[in-house]
Amino acid sequence: MIFKSALEALAAGEVVGMPTDTVYGLAIDPFNQRAVENLYELKGRPAGKPIGLLAASREQAETVGEITGAAGQLADSYWPGALTLVVTPRVILSDWVGDAQRRTVGIRVPDHPVAIGLLEQSGPLAVTSANRSGDPEVTDHIAASQIFGEEVAVYVEGDCPGGVASTVVDATGPDLVILRNGAIELSR
């Protein structure tokens, strides 16, 4: 099995590097609070700044979030791809995966065969860019390993062809709100 060591590391609560269609990411089990805390410490990420989820498919995304109405239409149009939809979660996630206070979570289905292969076996993962907080994102496992070394348990090999973070749209209210412009250009 190609992802055996990555899946074992995720199950043990460790951080795993993975390619996506946008930038190289750091992934953890979104239901393991210790893993979430380790990721925040590793990145130097400000406490409470939410992390989103990646899923292998819309069907898998729907197991953790409400992808209906306008969100469903955007998912049909742009998934797999560089669009993160902020939706209402269907499950209880670890603190800082999504925004518990607002009761939202960002979910995306990446357009990258390696990422989808891992996600099909692992289930949805909490993923953030592989960089120290505030530093530029990287686009491959080599650059990520130069930053984090052995602090990351496994680096899944792969390049990220996009190089630009995803567009983020809040679909929780009556109107769609673009929170971050990114790889997909959407009209307001």
C-alpha atoms as a PDB file:
ATOM      1  CA  MET A   1       0.000   0.000   0.000  1.00  0.00           C
ATOM      2  CA  ILE A   2       1.516   3.286  -1.186  1.00  0.00           C
ATOM      3  CA  PHE A   3       0.250   5.355   1.777  1.00  0.00           C
ATOM      4  CA  LYS A   4       0.916   2.828   4.572  1.00  0.00           C
ATOM      5  CA  SER A   5       3.452   4.924   6.521  1.00  0.00           C
ATOM      6  CA  ALA A   6       1.370   8.099   6.123  1.00  0.00           C
ATOM      7  CA  LEU A   7      -1.797   6.367   7.341  1.00  0.00           C
ATOM      8  CA  GLU A   8       0.055   4.867  10.318  1.00  0.00           C
ATOM      9  CA  ALA A   9       1.468   8.295  11.239  1.00  0.00           C
ATOM     10  CA  LEU A  10      -1.965   9.935  10.976  1.00  0.00           C
ATOM     11  CA  ALA A  11      -3.484   7.212  13.186  1.00  0.00           C
ATOM     12  CA  ALA A  12      -0.726   7.853  15.734  1.00  0.00           C
ATOM     13  CA  GLY A  13      -1.604  11.562  15.861  1.00  0.00           C
ATOM     14  CA  GLU A  14       1.433  12.707  13.907  1.00  0.00           C
ATOM     15  CA  VAL A  15       1.751  15.367  11.201  1.00  0.00           C
ATOM     16  CA  VAL A  16       2.056  14.196   7.588  1.00  0.00           C
ATOM     17  CA  GLY A  17       3.089  16.269   4.579  1.00  0.00           C
ATOM     18  CA  MET A  18       1.001  15.902   1.424  1.00  0.00           C
ATOM     19  CA  PRO A  19       0.783  17.469  -2.031  1.00  0.00           C
ATOM     20  CA  THR A  20      -2.383  19.206  -3.187  1.00  0.00           C
ATOM     21  CA  ASP A  21      -3.384  21.056  -6.331  1.00  0.00           C
ATOM     22  CA  THR A  22      -2.581  24.418  -4.725  1.00  0.00           C
ATOM     23  CA  VAL A  23       0.316  24.282  -2.231  1.00  0.00           C
ATOM     24  CA  TYR A  24       2.042  21.505  -0.282  1.00  0.00           C
ATOM     25  CA  GLY A  25       0.198  20.831   2.963  1.00  0.00           C
ATOM     26  CA  LEU A  26       0.549  19.510   6.481  1.00  0.00           C
ATOM     27  CA  ALA A  27      -2.198  17.037   7.373  1.00  0.00           C
ATOM     28  CA  ILE A  28      -3.562  15.614  10.623  1.00  0.00           C
ATOM     29  CA  ASP A  29      -6.523  13.646  11.900  1.00  0.00           C
ATOM     30  CA  PRO A  30      -9.206  16.331  12.484  1.00  0.00           C
ATOM     31  CA  PHE A  31     -10.666  14.381  15.413  1.00  0.00           C
ATOM     32  CA  ASN A  32      -7.387  14.124  17.372  1.00  0.00           C
ATOM     33  CA  GLN A  33      -6.966  17.185  19.614  1.00  0.00           C
ATOM     34  CA  ARG A  34      -3.338  16.334  20.427  1.00  0.00           C
ATOM     35  CA  ALA A  35      -2.524  16.214  16.703  1.00  0.00           C
ATOM     36  CA  VAL A  36      -4.170  19.612  16.195  1.00  0.00           C
ATOM     37  CA  GLU A  37      -2.149  21.122  19.060  1.00  0.00           C
ATOM     38  CA  ASN A  38       1.059  19.609  17.665  1.00  0.00           C
ATOM     39  CA  LEU A  39       0.359  21.108  14.246  1.00  0.00           C
ATOM     40  CA  TYR A  40      -0.254  24.571  15.696  1.00  0.00           C
ATOM     41  CA  GLU A  41       2.979  24.356  17.679  1.00  0.00           C
ATOM     42  CA  LEU A  42       4.922  23.077  14.665  1.00  0.00           C
ATOM     43  CA  LYS A  43       3.769  25.931  12.437  1.00  0.00           C
ATOM     44  CA  GLY A  44       3.796  28.620  15.124  1.00  0.00           C
ATOM     45  CA  ARG A  45       0.181  29.219  14.101  1.00  0.00           C
ATOM     46  CA  PRO A  46      -1.833  31.652  16.227  1.00  0.00           C
ATOM     47  CA  ALA A  47      -4.183  29.828  18.602  1.00  0.00           C
ATOM     48  CA  GLY A  48      -7.732  29.695  17.369  1.00  0.00           C
ATOM     49  CA  LYS A  49      -6.976  30.449  13.693  1.00  0.00           C
ATOM     50  CA  PRO A  50      -9.123  27.715  12.115  1.00  0.00           C
ATOM     51  CA  ILE A  51      -7.800  24.919   9.915  1.00  0.00           C
ATOM     52  CA  GLY A  52      -9.936  23.545   7.110  1.00  0.00           C
ATOM     53  CA  LEU A  53     -10.546  20.037   5.827  1.00  0.00           C
ATOM     54  CA  LEU A  54      -9.692  18.242   2.625  1.00  0.00           C
ATOM     55  CA  ALA A  55     -11.914  15.424   1.395  1.00  0.00           C
ATOM     56  CA  ALA A  56     -11.569  12.923  -1.458  1.00  0.00           C
ATOM     57  CA  SER A  57     -14.986  13.678  -2.962  1.00  0.00           C
ATOM     58  CA  ARG A  58     -18.147  15.654  -2.449  1.00  0.00           C
ATOM     59  CA  GLU A  59     -19.715  12.550  -0.896  1.00  0.00           C
ATOM     60  CA  GLN A  60     -16.892  12.321   1.637  1.00  0.00           C
ATOM     61  CA  ALA A  61     -17.112  16.079   2.301  1.00  0.00           C
ATOM     62  CA  GLU A  62     -20.834  15.703   3.013  1.00  0.00           C
ATOM     63  CA  THR A  63     -20.038  13.311   5.870  1.00  0.00           C
ATOM     64  CA  VAL A  64     -18.476  16.238   7.763  1.00  0.00           C
ATOM     65  CA  GLY A  65     -20.245  19.334   6.409  1.00  0.00           C
ATOM     66  CA  GLU A  66     -23.545  20.615   5.021  1.00  0.00           C
ATOM     67  CA  ILE A  67     -22.946  20.990   1.273  1.00  0.00           C
ATOM     68  CA  THR A  68     -26.404  22.149   0.152  1.00  0.00           C
ATOM     69  CA  GLY A  69     -28.008  25.018  -1.752  1.00  0.00           C
ATOM     70  CA  ALA A  70     -25.541  27.536  -3.133  1.00  0.00           C
ATOM     71  CA  ALA A  71     -22.639  25.615  -1.551  1.00  0.00           C
ATOM     72  CA  GLY A  72     -23.738  22.506  -3.427  1.00  0.00           C
ATOM     73  CA  GLN A  73     -23.895  24.428  -6.703  1.00  0.00           C
ATOM     74  CA  LEU A  74     -20.359  25.756  -6.179  1.00  0.00           C
ATOM     75  CA  ALA A  75     -19.128  22.274  -5.266  1.00  0.00           C
ATOM     76  CA  ASP A  76     -20.670  20.882  -8.461  1.00  0.00           C
ATOM     77  CA  SER A  77     -18.961  23.604 -10.506  1.00  0.00           C
ATOM     78  CA  TYR A  78     -15.508  23.744  -8.890  1.00  0.00           C
ATOM     79  CA  TRP A  79     -14.766  20.437  -7.143  1.00  0.00           C
ATOM     80  CA  PRO A  80     -12.347  18.921  -7.407  1.00  0.00           C
ATOM     81  CA  GLY A  81     -10.445  22.177  -7.416  1.00  0.00           C
ATOM     82  CA  ALA A  82      -9.082  25.152  -5.555  1.00  0.00           C
ATOM     83  CA  LEU A  83     -12.311  26.253  -3.885  1.00  0.00           C
ATOM     84  CA  THR A  84     -12.791  26.017  -0.121  1.00  0.00           C
ATOM     85  CA  LEU A  85     -16.400  26.212   1.030  1.00  0.00           C
ATOM     86  CA  VAL A  86     -17.087  27.390   4.580  1.00  0.00           C
ATOM     87  CA  VAL A  87     -20.140  25.447   5.711  1.00  0.00           C
ATOM     88  CA  THR A  88     -21.878  24.175   8.850  1.00  0.00           C
ATOM     89  CA  PRO A  89     -20.214  21.020  10.209  1.00  0.00           C
ATOM     90  CA  ARG A  90     -22.196  17.794  10.620  1.00  0.00           C
ATOM     91  CA  VAL A  91     -19.759  16.374  13.188  1.00  0.00           C
ATOM     92  CA  ILE A  92     -17.876  17.546  16.255  1.00  0.00           C
ATOM     93  CA  LEU A  93     -14.289  18.373  15.299  1.00  0.00           C
ATOM     94  CA  SER A  94     -11.265  19.069  17.459  1.00  0.00           C
ATOM     95  CA  ASP A  95     -10.822  22.645  18.681  1.00  0.00           C
ATOM     96  CA  TRP A  96      -9.434  24.929  15.951  1.00  0.00           C
ATOM     97  CA  VAL A  97     -10.496  22.616  13.120  1.00  0.00           C
ATOM     98  CA  GLY A  98     -13.061  24.960  11.709  1.00  0.00           C
ATOM     99  CA  ASP A  99     -14.458  27.696  13.911  1.00  0.00           C
ATOM    100  CA  ALA A 100     -16.395  26.221  16.839  1.00  0.00           C
ATOM    101  CA  GLN A 101     -17.641  29.628  17.981  1.00  0.00           C
ATOM    102  CA  ARG A 102     -19.165  30.425  14.581  1.00  0.00           C
ATOM    103  CA  ARG A 103     -20.012  26.724  14.031  1.00  0.00           C
ATOM    104  CA  THR A 104     -18.319  26.611  10.621  1.00  0.00           C
ATOM    105  CA  VAL A 105     -15.676  24.568   8.838  1.00  0.00           C
ATOM    106  CA  GLY A 106     -13.892  25.067   5.526  1.00  0.00           C
ATOM    107  CA  ILE A 107     -13.933  22.018   3.233  1.00  0.00           C
ATOM    108  CA  ARG A 108     -12.276  21.438  -0.120  1.00  0.00           C
ATOM    109  CA  VAL A 109     -11.848  18.566  -2.583  1.00  0.00           C
ATOM    110  CA  PRO A 110      -8.384  18.956  -4.150  1.00  0.00           C
ATOM    111  CA  ASP A 111      -7.736  18.249  -7.821  1.00  0.00           C
ATOM    112  CA  HIS A 112      -4.581  16.180  -7.243  1.00  0.00           C
ATOM    113  CA  PRO A 113      -4.406  12.392  -7.733  1.00  0.00           C
ATOM    114  CA  VAL A 114      -1.987  11.778  -4.849  1.00  0.00           C
ATOM    115  CA  ALA A 115      -4.045  13.873  -2.424  1.00  0.00           C
ATOM    116  CA  ILE A 116      -7.265  12.139  -3.454  1.00  0.00           C
ATOM    117  CA  GLY A 117      -5.615   8.716  -3.151  1.00  0.00           C
ATOM    118  CA  LEU A 118      -4.533   9.453   0.429  1.00  0.00           C
ATOM    119  CA  LEU A 119      -7.889  10.993   1.378  1.00  0.00           C
ATOM    120  CA  GLU A 120      -9.807   8.002  -0.023  1.00  0.00           C
ATOM    121  CA  GLN A 121      -7.939   5.810   2.456  1.00  0.00           C
ATOM    122  CA  SER A 122      -7.683   8.185   5.429  1.00  0.00           C
ATOM    123  CA  GLY A 123     -11.014   9.976   5.290  1.00  0.00           C
ATOM    124  CA  PRO A 124     -11.186  13.770   5.585  1.00  0.00           C
ATOM    125  CA  LEU A 125      -8.044  15.392   6.969  1.00  0.00           C
ATOM    126  CA  ALA A 126      -7.350  18.775   8.533  1.00  0.00           C
ATOM    127  CA  VAL A 127      -4.773  20.366   6.223  1.00  0.00           C
ATOM    128  CA  THR A 128      -2.924  23.665   6.233  1.00  0.00           C
ATOM    129  CA  SER A 129      -0.038  24.965   4.158  1.00  0.00           C
ATOM    130  CA  ALA A 130       3.437  23.579   4.872  1.00  0.00           C
ATOM    131  CA  ASN A 131       5.177  26.689   6.115  1.00  0.00           C
ATOM    132  CA  ARG A 132       5.924  28.420   9.383  1.00  0.00           C
ATOM    133  CA  SER A 133       3.091  30.826  10.117  1.00  0.00           C
ATOM    134  CA  GLY A 134       3.588  34.016   8.104  1.00  0.00           C
ATOM    135  CA  ASP A 135       6.234  32.547   5.769  1.00  0.00           C
ATOM    136  CA  PRO A 136       5.652  31.799   2.068  1.00  0.00           C
ATOM    137  CA  GLU A 137       3.955  28.537   1.095  1.00  0.00           C
ATOM    138  CA  VAL A 138       5.952  25.769  -0.598  1.00  0.00           C
ATOM    139  CA  THR A 139       4.962  23.558  -3.510  1.00  0.00           C
ATOM    140  CA  ASP A 140       6.704  20.216  -2.962  1.00  0.00           C
ATOM    141  CA  HIS A 141       7.826  17.663  -0.381  1.00  0.00           C
ATOM    142  CA  ILE A 142      11.504  18.624  -0.737  1.00  0.00           C
ATOM    143  CA  ALA A 143      10.936  22.266   0.231  1.00  0.00           C
ATOM    144  CA  ALA A 144       8.627  21.206   3.077  1.00  0.00           C
ATOM    145  CA  SER A 145      11.220  18.766   4.442  1.00  0.00           C
ATOM    146  CA  GLN A 146      13.842  21.526   4.384  1.00  0.00           C
ATOM    147  CA  ILE A 147      11.595  23.609   6.649  1.00  0.00           C
ATOM    148  CA  PHE A 148      10.325  20.935   9.045  1.00  0.00           C
ATOM    149  CA  GLY A 149      12.828  18.062   8.821  1.00  0.00           C
ATOM    150  CA  GLU A 150      11.969  15.222  11.180  1.00  0.00           C
ATOM    151  CA  GLU A 151       9.257  17.264  12.922  1.00  0.00           C
ATOM    152  CA  VAL A 152       6.910  15.914  10.222  1.00  0.00           C
ATOM    153  CA  ALA A 153       6.539  12.137  10.442  1.00  0.00           C
ATOM    154  CA  VAL A 154       6.054  11.372   6.734  1.00  0.00           C
ATOM    155  CA  TYR A 155       6.324  13.432   3.566  1.00  0.00           C
ATOM    156  CA  VAL A 156       4.141  12.060   0.792  1.00  0.00           C
ATOM    157  CA  GLU A 157       6.045  12.844  -2.396  1.00  0.00           C
ATOM    158  CA  GLY A 158       4.560  15.159  -4.959  1.00  0.00           C
ATOM    159  CA  ASP A 159       4.535  18.552  -6.582  1.00  0.00           C
ATOM    160  CA  CYS A 160       1.756  21.102  -6.346  1.00  0.00           C
ATOM    161  CA  PRO A 161       1.066  22.554  -9.793  1.00  0.00           C
ATOM    162  CA  GLY A 162      -1.087  25.477  -8.636  1.00  0.00           C
ATOM    163  CA  GLY A 163       1.205  27.323  -6.269  1.00  0.00           C
ATOM    164  CA  VAL A 164      -1.641  29.634  -5.191  1.00  0.00           C
ATOM    165  CA  ALA A 165      -3.880  29.088  -2.174  1.00  0.00           C
ATOM    166  CA  SER A 166      -7.544  28.207  -2.686  1.00  0.00           C
ATOM    167  CA  THR A 167     -10.346  30.711  -2.987  1.00  0.00           C
ATOM    168  CA  VAL A 168     -12.457  30.657   0.200  1.00  0.00           C
ATOM    169  CA  VAL A 169     -16.212  31.283   0.134  1.00  0.00           C
ATOM    170  CA  ASP A 170     -18.459  31.455   3.204  1.00  0.00           C
ATOM    171  CA  ALA A 171     -21.683  29.649   2.300  1.00  0.00           C
ATOM    172  CA  THR A 172     -23.251  29.676   5.778  1.00  0.00           C
ATOM    173  CA  GLY A 173     -25.417  32.771   5.421  1.00  0.00           C
ATOM    174  CA  PRO A 174     -28.138  33.885   3.047  1.00  0.00           C
ATOM    175  CA  ASP A 175     -25.511  35.323   0.666  1.00  0.00           C
ATOM    176  CA  LEU A 176     -22.197  33.853  -0.452  1.00  0.00           C
ATOM    177  CA  VAL A 177     -19.211  35.852   0.818  1.00  0.00           C
ATOM    178  CA  ILE A 178     -15.719  35.603  -0.668  1.00  0.00           C
ATOM    179  CA  LEU A 179     -13.352  35.471   2.320  1.00  0.00           C
ATOM    180  CA  ARG A 180     -10.124  35.019   0.331  1.00  0.00           C
ATOM    181  CA  ASN A 181      -9.413  35.425  -3.346  1.00  0.00           C
ATOM    182  CA  GLY A 182      -7.205  32.656  -4.585  1.00  0.00           C
ATOM    183  CA  ALA A 183      -6.675  30.243  -7.452  1.00  0.00           C
ATOM    184  CA  ILE A 184     -10.297  30.365  -8.667  1.00  0.00           C
ATOM    185  CA  GLU A 185     -11.625  33.710  -9.824  1.00  0.00           C
ATOM    186  CA  LEU A 186     -15.216  34.224  -8.703  1.00  0.00           C
ATOM    187  CA  SER A 187     -17.337  37.274  -9.361  1.00  0.00           C
ATOM    188  CA  ARG A 188     -18.790  38.938  -6.318  1.00  0.00           C
END
